[in-house]
């Protein structure tokens, strides 16, 4: 199971890959540029209706909002 972590370079978002690295969990970091409004794109909103980062998604579960 690989975790897809959606984040931007904010203090809370930076905590996500640090935590995943420390836990030794496999993950794929996906950048969401909130300055350009990418969190409001229909594609992103279909994954996370709240339109907020950070959040994660795995193959087996629904999105987990606000990991930090």
PDB file of N, CA and C in Angstrom:
ATOM      1  N   UNK A   1       0.843  -1.173   0.000  1.00  0.00           N
ATOM      2  CA  UNK A   1       0.000   0.000   0.000  1.00  0.00           C
ATOM      3  C   UNK A   1       0.892   1.241   0.000  1.00  0.00           C
ATOM      4  N   UNK A   2       0.730   2.074  -0.984  1.00  0.00           N
ATOM      5  CA  UNK A   2       1.448   3.343  -1.055  1.00  0.00           C
ATOM      6  C   UNK A   2       0.480   4.471  -0.754  1.00  0.00           C
ATOM      7  N   UNK A   3       0.899   5.355   0.105  1.00  0.00           N
ATOM      8  CA  UNK A   3       0.086   6.504   0.485  1.00  0.00           C
ATOM      9  C   UNK A   3       0.360   7.626  -0.505  1.00  0.00           C
ATOM     10  N   UNK A   4      -0.699   8.244  -0.974  1.00  0.00           N
ATOM     11  CA  UNK A   4      -0.573   9.425  -1.818  1.00  0.00           C
ATOM     12  C   UNK A   4      -0.822  10.624  -0.908  1.00  0.00           C
ATOM     13  N   UNK A   5       0.211  11.407  -0.674  1.00  0.00           N
ATOM     14  CA  UNK A   5       0.111  12.572   0.195  1.00  0.00           C
ATOM     15  C   UNK A   5       0.034  13.832  -0.658  1.00  0.00           C
ATOM     16  N   UNK A   6      -1.064  14.542  -0.540  1.00  0.00           N
ATOM     17  CA  UNK A   6      -1.268  15.777  -1.284  1.00  0.00           C
ATOM     18  C   UNK A   6      -0.924  16.930  -0.351  1.00  0.00           C
ATOM     19  N   UNK A   7       0.006  17.786  -0.782  1.00  0.00           N
ATOM     20  CA  UNK A   7       0.485  18.835   0.104  1.00  0.00           C
ATOM     21  C   UNK A   7       1.045  20.000  -0.695  1.00  0.00           C
ATOM     22  N   UNK A   8       1.345  21.075   0.024  1.00  0.00           N
ATOM     23  CA  UNK A   8       2.010  22.248  -0.533  1.00  0.00           C
ATOM     24  C   UNK A   8       3.065  22.657   0.479  1.00  0.00           C
ATOM     25  N   UNK A   9       3.911  23.580   0.136  1.00  0.00           N
ATOM     26  CA  UNK A   9       5.009  23.941   1.035  1.00  0.00           C
ATOM     27  C   UNK A   9       4.546  24.900   2.129  1.00  0.00           C
ATOM     28  N   UNK A  10       3.690  24.380   2.991  1.00  0.00           N
ATOM     29  CA  UNK A  10       3.234  25.107   4.169  1.00  0.00           C
ATOM     30  C   UNK A  10       3.723  24.351   5.394  1.00  0.00           C
ATOM     31  N   UNK A  11       3.778  24.993   6.550  1.00  0.00           N
ATOM     32  CA  UNK A  11       4.263  24.285   7.742  1.00  0.00           C
ATOM     33  C   UNK A  11       3.523  22.977   8.030  1.00  0.00           C
ATOM     34  N   UNK A  12       2.219  22.970   7.918  1.00  0.00           N
ATOM     35  CA  UNK A  12       1.470  21.741   8.184  1.00  0.00           C
ATOM     36  C   UNK A  12       1.720  20.682   7.121  1.00  0.00           C
ATOM     37  N   UNK A  13       1.815  21.086   5.885  1.00  0.00           N
ATOM     38  CA  UNK A  13       2.055  20.123   4.811  1.00  0.00           C
ATOM     39  C   UNK A  13       3.430  19.484   4.902  1.00  0.00           C
ATOM     40  N   UNK A  14       4.424  20.236   5.353  1.00  0.00           N
ATOM     41  CA  UNK A  14       5.781  19.714   5.458  1.00  0.00           C
ATOM     42  C   UNK A  14       5.850  18.600   6.513  1.00  0.00           C
ATOM     43  N   UNK A  15       4.978  18.654   7.497  1.00  0.00           N
ATOM     44  CA  UNK A  15       4.961  17.637   8.551  1.00  0.00           C
ATOM     45  C   UNK A  15       4.611  16.252   8.015  1.00  0.00           C
ATOM     46  N   UNK A  16       3.824  16.219   6.954  1.00  0.00           N
ATOM     47  CA  UNK A  16       3.348  14.941   6.420  1.00  0.00           C
ATOM     48  C   UNK A  16       4.488  14.070   5.895  1.00  0.00           C
ATOM     49  N   UNK A  17       5.315  14.535   4.938  1.00  0.00           N
ATOM     50  CA  UNK A  17       6.399  13.664   4.476  1.00  0.00           C
ATOM     51  C   UNK A  17       7.430  13.365   5.560  1.00  0.00           C
ATOM     52  N   UNK A  18       7.637  14.305   6.474  1.00  0.00           N
ATOM     53  CA  UNK A  18       8.562  14.034   7.575  1.00  0.00           C
ATOM     54  C   UNK A  18       8.054  12.863   8.408  1.00  0.00           C
ATOM     55  N   UNK A  19       6.783  12.884   8.742  1.00  0.00           N
ATOM     56  CA  UNK A  19       6.191  11.804   9.534  1.00  0.00           C
ATOM     57  C   UNK A  19       6.228  10.483   8.781  1.00  0.00           C
ATOM     58  N   UNK A  20       5.872  10.502   7.516  1.00  0.00           N
ATOM     59  CA  UNK A  20       5.871   9.270   6.725  1.00  0.00           C
ATOM     60  C   UNK A  20       7.280   8.697   6.605  1.00  0.00           C
ATOM     61  N   UNK A  21       8.272   9.562   6.445  1.00  0.00           N
ATOM     62  CA  UNK A  21       9.665   9.105   6.395  1.00  0.00           C
ATOM     63  C   UNK A  21      10.072   8.470   7.724  1.00  0.00           C
ATOM     64  N   UNK A  22       9.736   9.130   8.817  1.00  0.00           N
ATOM     65  CA  UNK A  22      10.090   8.617  10.142  1.00  0.00           C
ATOM     66  C   UNK A  22       9.428   7.266  10.420  1.00  0.00           C
ATOM     67  N   UNK A  23       8.215   7.079   9.917  1.00  0.00           N
ATOM     68  CA  UNK A  23       7.506   5.818  10.111  1.00  0.00           C
ATOM     69  C   UNK A  23       7.937   4.752   9.112  1.00  0.00           C
ATOM     70  N   UNK A  24       8.687   5.155   8.109  1.00  0.00           N
ATOM     71  CA  UNK A  24       9.140   4.208   7.093  1.00  0.00           C
ATOM     72  C   UNK A  24       8.030   3.721   6.185  1.00  0.00           C
ATOM     73  N   UNK A  25       7.012   4.540   6.002  1.00  0.00           N
ATOM     74  CA  UNK A  25       5.880   4.154   5.156  1.00  0.00           C
ATOM     75  C   UNK A  25       6.113   4.617   3.718  1.00  0.00           C
ATOM     76  N   UNK A  26       5.758   3.776   2.761  1.00  0.00           N
ATOM     77  CA  UNK A  26       5.906   4.189   1.357  1.00  0.00           C
ATOM     78  C   UNK A  26       4.855   5.247   1.001  1.00  0.00           C
ATOM     79  N   UNK A  27       5.292   6.283   0.312  1.00  0.00           N
ATOM     80  CA  UNK A  27       4.357   7.335  -0.065  1.00  0.00           C
ATOM     81  C   UNK A  27       4.797   7.992  -1.363  1.00  0.00           C
ATOM     82  N   UNK A  28       3.846   8.646  -1.972  1.00  0.00           N
ATOM     83  CA  UNK A  28       4.092   9.444  -3.170  1.00  0.00           C
ATOM     84  C   UNK A  28       3.589  10.850  -2.862  1.00  0.00           C
ATOM     85  N   UNK A  29       4.479  11.818  -2.912  1.00  0.00           N
ATOM     86  CA  UNK A  29       4.114  13.195  -2.606  1.00  0.00           C
ATOM     87  C   UNK A  29       3.589  13.875  -3.865  1.00  0.00           C
ATOM     88  N   UNK A  30       2.389  14.423  -3.758  1.00  0.00           N
ATOM     89  CA  UNK A  30       1.763  15.117  -4.879  1.00  0.00           C
ATOM     90  C   UNK A  30       1.563  16.574  -4.484  1.00  0.00           C
ATOM     91  N   UNK A  31       2.156  17.446  -5.246  1.00  0.00           N
ATOM     92  CA  UNK A  31       2.079  18.865  -4.944  1.00  0.00           C
ATOM     93  C   UNK A  31       0.742  19.460  -5.387  1.00  0.00           C
ATOM     94  N   UNK A  32       0.162  20.274  -4.516  1.00  0.00           N
ATOM     95  CA  UNK A  32      -1.053  21.025  -4.819  1.00  0.00           C
ATOM     96  C   UNK A  32      -0.733  22.490  -4.533  1.00  0.00           C
ATOM     97  N   UNK A  33      -0.590  23.282  -5.566  1.00  0.00           N
ATOM     98  CA  UNK A  33      -0.190  24.678  -5.413  1.00  0.00           C
ATOM     99  C   UNK A  33      -1.408  25.517  -5.029  1.00  0.00           C
ATOM    100  N   UNK A  34      -1.504  25.822  -3.745  1.00  0.00           N
ATOM    101  CA  UNK A  34      -2.658  26.591  -3.269  1.00  0.00           C
ATOM    102  C   UNK A  34      -2.579  28.050  -3.705  1.00  0.00           C
ATOM    103  N   UNK A  35      -1.390  28.535  -4.011  1.00  0.00           N
ATOM    104  CA  UNK A  35      -1.270  29.915  -4.501  1.00  0.00           C
ATOM    105  C   UNK A  35      -1.896  30.078  -5.879  1.00  0.00           C
ATOM    106  N   UNK A  36      -1.885  29.004  -6.656  1.00  0.00           N
ATOM    107  CA  UNK A  36      -2.503  29.026  -7.987  1.00  0.00           C
ATOM    108  C   UNK A  36      -3.944  28.520  -7.948  1.00  0.00           C
ATOM    109  N   UNK A  37      -4.428  28.142  -6.774  1.00  0.00           N
ATOM    110  CA  UNK A  37      -5.811  27.685  -6.632  1.00  0.00           C
ATOM    111  C   UNK A  37      -6.036  26.255  -7.085  1.00  0.00           C
ATOM    112  N   UNK A  38      -4.967  25.446  -7.161  1.00  0.00           N
ATOM    113  CA  UNK A  38      -5.114  24.063  -7.632  1.00  0.00           C
ATOM    114  C   UNK A  38      -6.012  23.220  -6.732  1.00  0.00           C
ATOM    115  N   UNK A  39      -6.188  23.622  -5.476  1.00  0.00           N
ATOM    116  CA  UNK A  39      -7.053  22.875  -4.570  1.00  0.00           C
ATOM    117  C   UNK A  39      -8.531  23.053  -4.923  1.00  0.00           C
ATOM    118  N   UNK A  40      -8.815  23.976  -5.830  1.00  0.00           N
ATOM    119  CA  UNK A  40     -10.193  24.217  -6.255  1.00  0.00           C
ATOM    120  C   UNK A  40     -10.500  23.607  -7.614  1.00  0.00           C
ATOM    121  N   UNK A  41      -9.514  22.943  -8.228  1.00  0.00           N
ATOM    122  CA  UNK A  41      -9.740  22.273  -9.511  1.00  0.00           C
ATOM    123  C   UNK A  41     -10.717  21.118  -9.327  1.00  0.00           C
ATOM    124  N   UNK A  42     -11.597  20.874 -10.307  1.00  0.00           N
ATOM    125  CA  UNK A  42     -12.548  19.773 -10.198  1.00  0.00           C
ATOM    126  C   UNK A  42     -11.884  18.416  -9.943  1.00  0.00           C
ATOM    127  N   UNK A  43     -10.738  18.184 -10.552  1.00  0.00           N
ATOM    128  CA  UNK A  43     -10.042  16.915 -10.352  1.00  0.00           C
ATOM    129  C   UNK A  43      -9.642  16.735  -8.887  1.00  0.00           C
ATOM    130  N   UNK A  44      -9.111  17.793  -8.280  1.00  0.00           N
ATOM    131  CA  UNK A  44      -8.719  17.720  -6.877  1.00  0.00           C
ATOM    132  C   UNK A  44      -9.940  17.611  -5.977  1.00  0.00           C
ATOM    133  N   UNK A  45     -10.977  18.387  -6.265  1.00  0.00           N
ATOM    134  CA  UNK A  45     -12.194  18.351  -5.452  1.00  0.00           C
ATOM    135  C   UNK A  45     -12.902  16.997  -5.522  1.00  0.00           C
ATOM    136  N   UNK A  46     -12.709  16.267  -6.614  1.00  0.00           N
ATOM    137  CA  UNK A  46     -13.312  14.932  -6.690  1.00  0.00           C
ATOM    138  C   UNK A  46     -12.632  13.967  -5.712  1.00  0.00           C
ATOM    139  N   UNK A  47     -11.399  14.253  -5.339  1.00  0.00           N
ATOM    140  CA  UNK A  47     -10.683  13.450  -4.345  1.00  0.00           C
ATOM    141  C   UNK A  47     -10.925  13.949  -2.932  1.00  0.00           C
ATOM    142  N   UNK A  48     -11.016  15.261  -2.791  1.00  0.00           N
ATOM    143  CA  UNK A  48     -11.151  15.882  -1.482  1.00  0.00           C
ATOM    144  C   UNK A  48     -12.117  17.058  -1.604  1.00  0.00           C
ATOM    145  N   UNK A  49     -13.372  16.822  -1.271  1.00  0.00           N
ATOM    146  CA  UNK A  49     -14.413  17.827  -1.442  1.00  0.00           C
ATOM    147  C   UNK A  49     -14.168  19.081  -0.595  1.00  0.00           C
ATOM    148  N   UNK A  50     -13.389  18.964   0.475  1.00  0.00           N
ATOM    149  CA  UNK A  50     -13.078  20.128   1.301  1.00  0.00           C
ATOM    150  C   UNK A  50     -12.085  21.069   0.624  1.00  0.00           C
ATOM    151  N   UNK A  51     -11.322  20.553  -0.327  1.00  0.00           N
ATOM    152  CA  UNK A  51     -10.362  21.373  -1.048  1.00  0.00           C
ATOM    153  C   UNK A  51      -9.237  21.892  -0.176  1.00  0.00           C
ATOM    154  N   UNK A  52      -8.829  21.103   0.808  1.00  0.00           N
ATOM    155  CA  UNK A  52      -7.767  21.538   1.720  1.00  0.00           C
ATOM    156  C   UNK A  52      -6.592  20.593   1.660  1.00  0.00           C
ATOM    157  N   UNK A  53      -5.424  21.117   1.944  1.00  0.00           N
ATOM    158  CA  UNK A  53      -4.217  20.314   2.057  1.00  0.00           C
ATOM    159  C   UNK A  53      -3.634  20.554   3.441  1.00  0.00           C
ATOM    160  N   UNK A  54      -2.942  19.632   4.027  1.00  0.00           N
ATOM    161  CA  UNK A  54      -2.597  18.318   3.491  1.00  0.00           C
ATOM    162  C   UNK A  54      -3.715  17.306   3.702  1.00  0.00           C
ATOM    163  N   UNK A  55      -3.693  16.280   2.856  1.00  0.00           N
ATOM    164  CA  UNK A  55      -4.541  15.121   3.052  1.00  0.00           C
ATOM    165  C   UNK A  55      -3.907  13.944   2.347  1.00  0.00           C
ATOM    166  N   UNK A  56      -4.357  12.742   2.697  1.00  0.00           N
ATOM    167  CA  UNK A  56      -3.758  11.550   2.103  1.00  0.00           C
ATOM    168  C   UNK A  56      -4.835  10.654   1.529  1.00  0.00           C
ATOM    169  N   UNK A  57      -4.389   9.772   0.654  1.00  0.00           N
ATOM    170  CA  UNK A  57      -5.272   8.831  -0.002  1.00  0.00           C
ATOM    171  C   UNK A  57      -4.494   7.538  -0.191  1.00  0.00           C
ATOM    172  N   UNK A  58      -5.123   6.422   0.141  1.00  0.00           N
ATOM    173  CA  UNK A  58      -4.491   5.131  -0.094  1.00  0.00           C
ATOM    174  C   UNK A  58      -5.350   4.336  -1.058  1.00  0.00           C
ATOM    175  N   UNK A  59      -4.858   3.190  -1.472  1.00  0.00           N
ATOM    176  CA  UNK A  59      -5.602   2.332  -2.382  1.00  0.00           C
ATOM    177  C   UNK A  59      -6.848   1.756  -1.715  1.00  0.00           C
ATOM    178  N   UNK A  60      -6.837   1.691  -0.385  1.00  0.00           N
ATOM    179  CA  UNK A  60      -7.864   0.942   0.328  1.00  0.00           C
ATOM    180  C   UNK A  60      -8.812   1.793   1.157  1.00  0.00           C
ATOM    181  N   UNK A  61      -8.652   3.086   1.183  1.00  0.00           N
ATOM    182  CA  UNK A  61      -9.507   3.882   2.042  1.00  0.00           C
ATOM    183  C   UNK A  61      -9.829   5.225   1.425  1.00  0.00           C
ATOM    184  N   UNK A  62     -10.741   5.915   2.054  1.00  0.00           N
ATOM    185  CA  UNK A  62     -11.125   7.253   1.622  1.00  0.00           C
ATOM    186  C   UNK A  62     -10.074   8.273   2.063  1.00  0.00           C
ATOM    187  N   UNK A  63     -10.153   9.486   1.540  1.00  0.00           N
ATOM    188  CA  UNK A  63      -9.171  10.501   1.930  1.00  0.00           C
ATOM    189  C   UNK A  63      -9.169  10.745   3.432  1.00  0.00           C
ATOM    190  N   UNK A  64      -8.000  11.037   3.942  1.00  0.00           N
ATOM    191  CA  UNK A  64      -7.820  11.396   5.335  1.00  0.00           C
ATOM    192  C   UNK A  64      -7.409  12.855   5.354  1.00  0.00           C
ATOM    193  N   UNK A  65      -8.304  13.705   5.814  1.00  0.00           N
ATOM    194  CA  UNK A  65      -8.042  15.147   5.774  1.00  0.00           C
ATOM    195  C   UNK A  65      -7.108  15.571   6.895  1.00  0.00           C
ATOM    196  N   UNK A  66      -6.323  16.563   6.619  1.00  0.00           N
ATOM    197  CA  UNK A  66      -5.487  17.233   7.604  1.00  0.00           C
ATOM    198  C   UNK A  66      -4.675  16.261   8.440  1.00  0.00           C
ATOM    199  N   UNK A  67      -3.654  15.719   7.854  1.00  0.00           N
ATOM    200  CA  UNK A  67      -2.787  14.771   8.549  1.00  0.00           C
ATOM    201  C   UNK A  67      -1.970  15.426   9.641  1.00  0.00           C
ATOM    202  N   UNK A  68      -1.721  16.692   9.547  1.00  0.00           N
ATOM    203  CA  UNK A  68      -0.844  17.336  10.525  1.00  0.00           C
ATOM    204  C   UNK A  68      -1.583  17.700  11.793  1.00  0.00           C
TER     205      UNK A  68
END
